[in-house]
Structures are given as structure tokens and as C-alpha cells.
Amino acid sequence: MPQNVYMPKLGMSMVQGEIGKWLIKEGDKVNKGDEIVEIIENKATQTVEAMVSGTVEKILVQEGEVAAVGEPIAIISA
């Protein structure tokens, strides 16, 4: 079943974040806890981990693009 990966809220005042670098690509298999993306917010970069194991079906927000907190940024099929 597909699971969305959402833009996380990494700080109290964060309303959006930029995709710095995807550490995976479509078709890759990931395990829960694998680092999958670097998010840039207020000049700080933080790595986000996969919340489920599965296959990366689709990357919805590309590197350099901005997404609102809570917006889907990728889809992993578990």
C-alpha cells in the first residue's frame, strides 16, 4: 500500500522547507529508518528518515523546490 512521505516540521516556526538533496531515487528499495532526503530550512540542513520500508514509487518535489509543511514530497509503496 502506498505511503506518502510528508514535508516534516523541523522547527517551531517552520512553514515550508526546500529539498536540498534526495539520497534515494525512484525504484530504490528503502528500509524504515534509512536517510532519504536532506531538507533545508533557515540555512540549516537536516536529514529525514523513511517512516516505512518499501520501494520509492514517485518523488513529487524535486531538488531545489520548496514544499509546505505537511505537503507530500514522495510516495513509498510498502
PDB file of N, CA and C in Angstrom:
ATOM      1  N   MET A   1       0.845  -1.181   0.000  1.00  0.00           N
ATOM      2  CA  MET A   1       0.000   0.000   0.000  1.00  0.00           C
ATOM      3  C   MET A   1       0.891   1.246   0.000  1.00  0.00           C
ATOM      4  N   PRO A   2       0.625   2.186  -0.881  1.00  0.00           N
ATOM      5  CA  PRO A   2       1.452   3.402  -0.961  1.00  0.00           C
ATOM      6  C   PRO A   2       1.331   4.270   0.288  1.00  0.00           C
ATOM      7  N   GLN A   3       2.467   4.811   0.718  1.00  0.00           N
ATOM      8  CA  GLN A   3       2.523   5.716   1.863  1.00  0.00           C
ATOM      9  C   GLN A   3       3.178   7.016   1.412  1.00  0.00           C
ATOM     10  N   ASN A   4       2.558   8.134   1.717  1.00  0.00           N
ATOM     11  CA  ASN A   4       3.159   9.426   1.398  1.00  0.00           C
ATOM     12  C   ASN A   4       4.277   9.748   2.380  1.00  0.00           C
ATOM     13  N   VAL A   5       5.313  10.400   1.861  1.00  0.00           N
ATOM     14  CA  VAL A   5       6.355  10.998   2.693  1.00  0.00           C
ATOM     15  C   VAL A   5       6.018  12.481   2.711  1.00  0.00           C
ATOM     16  N   TYR A   6       5.853  13.054   3.894  1.00  0.00           N
ATOM     17  CA  TYR A   6       5.426  14.442   4.019  1.00  0.00           C
ATOM     18  C   TYR A   6       6.591  15.337   4.428  1.00  0.00           C
ATOM     19  N   MET A   7       6.515  16.601   4.000  1.00  0.00           N
ATOM     20  CA  MET A   7       7.491  17.587   4.454  1.00  0.00           C
ATOM     21  C   MET A   7       7.325  17.709   5.966  1.00  0.00           C
ATOM     22  N   PRO A   8       8.376  17.394   6.722  1.00  0.00           N
ATOM     23  CA  PRO A   8       8.255  17.454   8.179  1.00  0.00           C
ATOM     24  C   PRO A   8       8.383  18.883   8.701  1.00  0.00           C
ATOM     25  N   LYS A   9       7.900  19.076   9.913  1.00  0.00           N
ATOM     26  CA  LYS A   9       8.076  20.357  10.603  1.00  0.00           C
ATOM     27  C   LYS A   9       9.307  20.206  11.483  1.00  0.00           C
ATOM     28  N   LEU A  10      10.416  20.793  11.070  1.00  0.00           N
ATOM     29  CA  LEU A  10      11.694  20.600  11.744  1.00  0.00           C
ATOM     30  C   LEU A  10      11.988  21.667  12.796  1.00  0.00           C
ATOM     31  N   GLY A  11      11.182  22.709  12.825  1.00  0.00           N
ATOM     32  CA  GLY A  11      11.354  23.773  13.811  1.00  0.00           C
ATOM     33  C   GLY A  11      10.008  24.370  14.157  1.00  0.00           C
ATOM     34  N   MET A  12       9.928  25.020  15.297  1.00  0.00           N
ATOM     35  CA  MET A  12       8.653  25.575  15.758  1.00  0.00           C
ATOM     36  C   MET A  12       8.040  26.562  14.768  1.00  0.00           C
ATOM     37  N   SER A  13       8.873  27.354  14.101  1.00  0.00           N
ATOM     38  CA  SER A  13       8.347  28.378  13.204  1.00  0.00           C
ATOM     39  C   SER A  13       8.369  27.946  11.738  1.00  0.00           C
ATOM     40  N   MET A  14       8.771  26.715  11.468  1.00  0.00           N
ATOM     41  CA  MET A  14       8.886  26.254  10.076  1.00  0.00           C
ATOM     42  C   MET A  14       7.512  26.118   9.427  1.00  0.00           C
ATOM     43  N   VAL A  15       7.349  26.748   8.257  1.00  0.00           N
ATOM     44  CA  VAL A  15       6.113  26.621   7.491  1.00  0.00           C
ATOM     45  C   VAL A  15       6.366  25.970   6.130  1.00  0.00           C
ATOM     46  N   GLN A  16       7.622  25.977   5.695  1.00  0.00           N
ATOM     47  CA  GLN A  16       7.988  25.328   4.437  1.00  0.00           C
ATOM     48  C   GLN A  16       9.465  24.963   4.482  1.00  0.00           C
ATOM     49  N   GLY A  17       9.855  24.060   3.601  1.00  0.00           N
ATOM     50  CA  GLY A  17      11.250  23.650   3.524  1.00  0.00           C
ATOM     51  C   GLY A  17      11.635  23.385   2.090  1.00  0.00           C
ATOM     52  N   GLU A  18      12.919  23.455   1.818  1.00  0.00           N
ATOM     53  CA  GLU A  18      13.446  23.214   0.475  1.00  0.00           C
ATOM     54  C   GLU A  18      14.082  21.830   0.429  1.00  0.00           C
ATOM     55  N   ILE A  19      13.846  21.130  -0.662  1.00  0.00           N
ATOM     56  CA  ILE A  19      14.515  19.845  -0.869  1.00  0.00           C
ATOM     57  C   ILE A  19      15.953  20.160  -1.275  1.00  0.00           C
ATOM     58  N   GLY A  20      16.894  19.807  -0.403  1.00  0.00           N
ATOM     59  CA  GLY A  20      18.302  20.044  -0.693  1.00  0.00           C
ATOM     60  C   GLY A  20      18.856  18.968  -1.604  1.00  0.00           C
ATOM     61  N   LYS A  21      18.664  17.702  -1.194  1.00  0.00           N
ATOM     62  CA  LYS A  21      19.193  16.586  -1.975  1.00  0.00           C
ATOM     63  C   LYS A  21      18.421  15.319  -1.632  1.00  0.00           C
ATOM     64  N   TRP A  22      17.976  14.619  -2.661  1.00  0.00           N
ATOM     65  CA  TRP A  22      17.393  13.294  -2.465  1.00  0.00           C
ATOM     66  C   TRP A  22      18.536  12.304  -2.342  1.00  0.00           C
ATOM     67  N   LEU A  23      18.493  11.454  -1.345  1.00  0.00           N
ATOM     68  CA  LEU A  23      19.513  10.440  -1.128  1.00  0.00           C
ATOM     69  C   LEU A  23      19.089   9.102  -1.728  1.00  0.00           C
ATOM     70  N   ILE A  24      17.903   9.087  -2.333  1.00  0.00           N
ATOM     71  CA  ILE A  24      17.340   7.906  -2.994  1.00  0.00           C
ATOM     72  C   ILE A  24      16.819   8.346  -4.360  1.00  0.00           C
ATOM     73  N   LYS A  25      16.420   7.378  -5.191  1.00  0.00           N
ATOM     74  CA  LYS A  25      15.786   7.700  -6.469  1.00  0.00           C
ATOM     75  C   LYS A  25      14.592   6.779  -6.668  1.00  0.00           C
ATOM     76  N   GLU A  26      13.740   7.116  -7.608  1.00  0.00           N
ATOM     77  CA  GLU A  26      12.566   6.295  -7.877  1.00  0.00           C
ATOM     78  C   GLU A  26      13.015   4.883  -8.228  1.00  0.00           C
ATOM     79  N   GLY A  27      12.338   3.899  -7.663  1.00  0.00           N
ATOM     80  CA  GLY A  27      12.665   2.499  -7.888  1.00  0.00           C
ATOM     81  C   GLY A  27      13.565   1.901  -6.812  1.00  0.00           C
ATOM     82  N   ASP A  28      14.187   2.745  -5.994  1.00  0.00           N
ATOM     83  CA  ASP A  28      15.055   2.248  -4.919  1.00  0.00           C
ATOM     84  C   ASP A  28      14.218   1.587  -3.826  1.00  0.00           C
ATOM     85  N   LYS A  29      14.805   0.572  -3.208  1.00  0.00           N
ATOM     86  CA  LYS A  29      14.202  -0.037  -2.037  1.00  0.00           C
ATOM     87  C   LYS A  29      14.783   0.658  -0.809  1.00  0.00           C
ATOM     88  N   VAL A  30      13.921   0.975   0.148  1.00  0.00           N
ATOM     89  CA  VAL A  30      14.361   1.626   1.386  1.00  0.00           C
ATOM     90  C   VAL A  30      13.831   0.854   2.584  1.00  0.00           C
ATOM     91  N   ASN A  31      14.539   0.982   3.678  1.00  0.00           N
ATOM     92  CA  ASN A  31      14.111   0.393   4.945  1.00  0.00           C
ATOM     93  C   ASN A  31      13.722   1.509   5.894  1.00  0.00           C
ATOM     94  N   LYS A  32      12.788   1.207   6.774  1.00  0.00           N
ATOM     95  CA  LYS A  32      12.393   2.172   7.802  1.00  0.00           C
ATOM     96  C   LYS A  32      13.653   2.633   8.525  1.00  0.00           C
ATOM     97  N   GLY A  33      13.830   3.936   8.637  1.00  0.00           N
ATOM     98  CA  GLY A  33      15.000   4.494   9.309  1.00  0.00           C
ATOM     99  C   GLY A  33      16.119   4.907   8.366  1.00  0.00           C
ATOM    100  N   ASP A  34      16.050   4.486   7.078  1.00  0.00           N
ATOM    101  CA  ASP A  34      17.056   4.932   6.105  1.00  0.00           C
ATOM    102  C   ASP A  34      16.923   6.430   5.869  1.00  0.00           C
ATOM    103  N   GLU A  35      18.044   7.125   5.755  1.00  0.00           N
ATOM    104  CA  GLU A  35      18.012   8.539   5.409  1.00  0.00           C
ATOM    105  C   GLU A  35      17.646   8.648   3.933  1.00  0.00           C
ATOM    106  N   ILE A  36      16.621   9.469   3.629  1.00  0.00           N
ATOM    107  CA  ILE A  36      16.146   9.540   2.248  1.00  0.00           C
ATOM    108  C   ILE A  36      16.246  10.919   1.614  1.00  0.00           C
ATOM    109  N   VAL A  37      16.248  11.980   2.425  1.00  0.00           N
ATOM    110  CA  VAL A  37      16.246  13.326   1.844  1.00  0.00           C
ATOM    111  C   VAL A  37      16.851  14.327   2.825  1.00  0.00           C
ATOM    112  N   GLU A  38      17.523  15.337   2.255  1.00  0.00           N
ATOM    113  CA  GLU A  38      18.037  16.451   3.047  1.00  0.00           C
ATOM    114  C   GLU A  38      17.112  17.642   2.837  1.00  0.00           C
ATOM    115  N   ILE A  39      16.638  18.205   3.945  1.00  0.00           N
ATOM    116  CA  ILE A  39      15.720  19.347   3.920  1.00  0.00           C
ATOM    117  C   ILE A  39      16.486  20.580   4.407  1.00  0.00           C
ATOM    118  N   ILE A  40      16.333  21.690   3.674  1.00  0.00           N
ATOM    119  CA  ILE A  40      16.968  22.950   4.059  1.00  0.00           C
ATOM    120  C   ILE A  40      15.875  23.889   4.576  1.00  0.00           C
ATOM    121  N   GLU A  41      16.124  24.428   5.776  1.00  0.00           N
ATOM    122  CA  GLU A  41      15.173  25.366   6.380  1.00  0.00           C
ATOM    123  C   GLU A  41      15.977  26.347   7.217  1.00  0.00           C
ATOM    124  N   ASN A  42      15.832  27.629   6.919  1.00  0.00           N
ATOM    125  CA  ASN A  42      16.581  28.674   7.634  1.00  0.00           C
ATOM    126  C   ASN A  42      18.087  28.423   7.610  1.00  0.00           C
ATOM    127  N   LYS A  43      18.597  28.073   6.464  1.00  0.00           N
ATOM    128  CA  LYS A  43      20.031  27.851   6.243  1.00  0.00           C
ATOM    129  C   LYS A  43      20.586  26.639   6.989  1.00  0.00           C
ATOM    130  N   ALA A  44      19.732  25.866   7.628  1.00  0.00           N
ATOM    131  CA  ALA A  44      20.161  24.634   8.292  1.00  0.00           C
ATOM    132  C   ALA A  44      19.674  23.445   7.458  1.00  0.00           C
ATOM    133  N   THR A  45      20.493  22.411   7.389  1.00  0.00           N
ATOM    134  CA  THR A  45      20.134  21.206   6.638  1.00  0.00           C
ATOM    135  C   THR A  45      19.947  20.056   7.615  1.00  0.00           C
ATOM    136  N   GLN A  46      18.817  19.359   7.472  1.00  0.00           N
ATOM    137  CA  GLN A  46      18.550  18.191   8.299  1.00  0.00           C
ATOM    138  C   GLN A  46      18.153  17.027   7.411  1.00  0.00           C
ATOM    139  N   THR A  47      18.548  15.838   7.811  1.00  0.00           N
ATOM    140  CA  THR A  47      18.220  14.630   7.061  1.00  0.00           C
ATOM    141  C   THR A  47      16.940  14.027   7.616  1.00  0.00           C
ATOM    142  N   VAL A  48      16.089  13.534   6.710  1.00  0.00           N
ATOM    143  CA  VAL A  48      14.826  12.909   7.087  1.00  0.00           C
ATOM    144  C   VAL A  48      14.911  11.417   6.765  1.00  0.00           C
ATOM    145  N   GLU A  49      14.375  10.601   7.664  1.00  0.00           N
ATOM    146  CA  GLU A  49      14.398   9.157   7.506  1.00  0.00           C
ATOM    147  C   GLU A  49      13.066   8.636   6.977  1.00  0.00           C
ATOM    148  N   ALA A  50      13.123   7.481   6.304  1.00  0.00           N
ATOM    149  CA  ALA A  50      11.909   6.799   5.847  1.00  0.00           C
ATOM    150  C   ALA A  50      11.134   6.294   7.052  1.00  0.00           C
ATOM    151  N   MET A  51       9.838   6.467   7.040  1.00  0.00           N
ATOM    152  CA  MET A  51       8.982   6.009   8.132  1.00  0.00           C
ATOM    153  C   MET A  51       8.475   4.584   7.891  1.00  0.00           C
ATOM    154  N   VAL A  52       8.623   4.093   6.649  1.00  0.00           N
ATOM    155  CA  VAL A  52       8.201   2.738   6.283  1.00  0.00           C
ATOM    156  C   VAL A  52       9.254   2.116   5.377  1.00  0.00           C
ATOM    157  N   SER A  53       9.249   0.804   5.297  1.00  0.00           N
ATOM    158  CA  SER A  53      10.092   0.089   4.337  1.00  0.00           C
ATOM    159  C   SER A  53       9.289  -0.142   3.073  1.00  0.00           C
ATOM    160  N   GLY A  54       9.967  -0.105   1.926  1.00  0.00           N
ATOM    161  CA  GLY A  54       9.279  -0.354   0.666  1.00  0.00           C
ATOM    162  C   GLY A  54      10.084   0.156  -0.506  1.00  0.00           C
ATOM    163  N   THR A  55       9.397   0.413  -1.609  1.00  0.00           N
ATOM    164  CA  THR A  55      10.006   0.892  -2.841  1.00  0.00           C
ATOM    165  C   THR A  55       9.578   2.325  -3.101  1.00  0.00           C
ATOM    166  N   VAL A  56      10.534   3.166  -3.472  1.00  0.00           N
ATOM    167  CA  VAL A  56      10.226   4.559  -3.794  1.00  0.00           C
ATOM    168  C   VAL A  56       9.490   4.571  -5.137  1.00  0.00           C
ATOM    169  N   GLU A  57       8.216   4.913  -5.088  1.00  0.00           N
ATOM    170  CA  GLU A  57       7.385   4.930  -6.299  1.00  0.00           C
ATOM    171  C   GLU A  57       7.526   6.237  -7.073  1.00  0.00           C
ATOM    172  N   LYS A  58       7.496   7.353  -6.353  1.00  0.00           N
ATOM    173  CA  LYS A  58       7.482   8.653  -7.026  1.00  0.00           C
ATOM    174  C   LYS A  58       8.064   9.712  -6.115  1.00  0.00           C
ATOM    175  N   ILE A  59       8.921  10.554  -6.679  1.00  0.00           N
ATOM    176  CA  ILE A  59       9.396  11.751  -5.991  1.00  0.00           C
ATOM    177  C   ILE A  59       8.544  12.905  -6.508  1.00  0.00           C
ATOM    178  N   LEU A  60       7.809  13.547  -5.614  1.00  0.00           N
ATOM    179  CA  LEU A  60       6.845  14.575  -6.003  1.00  0.00           C
ATOM    180  C   LEU A  60       7.433  15.983  -6.015  1.00  0.00           C
ATOM    181  N   VAL A  61       8.452  16.233  -5.190  1.00  0.00           N
ATOM    182  CA  VAL A  61       9.075  17.551  -5.106  1.00  0.00           C
ATOM    183  C   VAL A  61      10.555  17.366  -5.403  1.00  0.00           C
ATOM    184  N   GLN A  62      11.045  18.067  -6.409  1.00  0.00           N
ATOM    185  CA  GLN A  62      12.422  17.892  -6.871  1.00  0.00           C
ATOM    186  C   GLN A  62      13.404  18.738  -6.068  1.00  0.00           C
ATOM    187  N   GLU A  63      14.686  18.396  -6.184  1.00  0.00           N
ATOM    188  CA  GLU A  63      15.737  19.155  -5.507  1.00  0.00           C
ATOM    189  C   GLU A  63      15.650  20.625  -5.899  1.00  0.00           C
ATOM    190  N   GLY A  64      15.778  21.493  -4.908  1.00  0.00           N
ATOM    191  CA  GLY A  64      15.698  22.930  -5.137  1.00  0.00           C
ATOM    192  C   GLY A  64      14.289  23.490  -5.046  1.00  0.00           C
ATOM    193  N   GLU A  65      13.292  22.628  -5.038  1.00  0.00           N
ATOM    194  CA  GLU A  65      11.911  23.085  -4.920  1.00  0.00           C
ATOM    195  C   GLU A  65      11.501  23.173  -3.450  1.00  0.00           C
ATOM    196  N   VAL A  66      10.488  23.990  -3.189  1.00  0.00           N
ATOM    197  CA  VAL A  66      10.002  24.242  -1.828  1.00  0.00           C
ATOM    198  C   VAL A  66       8.641  23.584  -1.664  1.00  0.00           C
ATOM    199  N   ALA A  67       8.405  23.033  -0.472  1.00  0.00           N
ATOM    200  CA  ALA A  67       7.106  22.436  -0.152  1.00  0.00           C
ATOM    201  C   ALA A  67       6.682  22.919   1.228  1.00  0.00           C
ATOM    202  N   ALA A  68       5.389  23.054   1.400  1.00  0.00           N
ATOM    203  CA  ALA A  68       4.827  23.448   2.693  1.00  0.00           C
ATOM    204  C   ALA A  68       4.913  22.279   3.671  1.00  0.00           C
ATOM    205  N   VAL A  69       5.009  22.582   4.949  1.00  0.00           N
ATOM    206  CA  VAL A  69       4.984  21.549   5.981  1.00  0.00           C
ATOM    207  C   VAL A  69       3.689  20.742   5.810  1.00  0.00           C
ATOM    208  N   GLY A  70       3.798  19.425   5.828  1.00  0.00           N
ATOM    209  CA  GLY A  70       2.639  18.559   5.684  1.00  0.00           C
ATOM    210  C   GLY A  70       2.304  18.180   4.245  1.00  0.00           C
ATOM    211  N   GLU A  71       2.970  18.813   3.280  1.00  0.00           N
ATOM    212  CA  GLU A  71       2.722  18.502   1.870  1.00  0.00           C
ATOM    213  C   GLU A  71       3.455  17.215   1.492  1.00  0.00           C
ATOM    214  N   PRO A  72       2.823  16.329   0.700  1.00  0.00           N
ATOM    215  CA  PRO A  72       3.521  15.116   0.259  1.00  0.00           C
ATOM    216  C   PRO A  72       4.716  15.477  -0.632  1.00  0.00           C
ATOM    217  N   ILE A  73       5.867  14.826  -0.369  1.00  0.00           N
ATOM    218  CA  ILE A  73       7.055  15.093  -1.177  1.00  0.00           C
ATOM    219  C   ILE A  73       7.520  13.835  -1.926  1.00  0.00           C
ATOM    220  N   ALA A  74       7.022  12.666  -1.515  1.00  0.00           N
ATOM    221  CA  ALA A  74       7.370  11.414  -2.194  1.00  0.00           C
ATOM    222  C   ALA A  74       6.348  10.355  -1.816  1.00  0.00           C
ATOM    223  N   ILE A  75       6.382   9.231  -2.554  1.00  0.00           N
ATOM    224  CA  ILE A  75       5.496   8.110  -2.269  1.00  0.00           C
ATOM    225  C   ILE A  75       6.343   6.846  -2.189  1.00  0.00           C
ATOM    226  N   ILE A  76       6.151   6.088  -1.107  1.00  0.00           N
ATOM    227  CA  ILE A  76       6.821   4.800  -0.929  1.00  0.00           C
ATOM    228  C   ILE A  76       5.741   3.731  -0.852  1.00  0.00           C
ATOM    229  N   SER A  77       5.854   2.676  -1.668  1.00  0.00           N
ATOM    230  CA  SER A  77       4.902   1.585  -1.575  1.00  0.00           C
ATOM    231  C   SER A  77       5.460   0.537  -0.624  1.00  0.00           C
ATOM    232  N   ALA A  78       4.700   0.235   0.386  1.00  0.00           N
ATOM    233  CA  ALA A  78       5.155  -0.699   1.423  1.00  0.00           C
ATOM    234  C   ALA A  78       4.829  -2.129   1.039  1.00  0.00           C
TER     235      ALA A  78
END
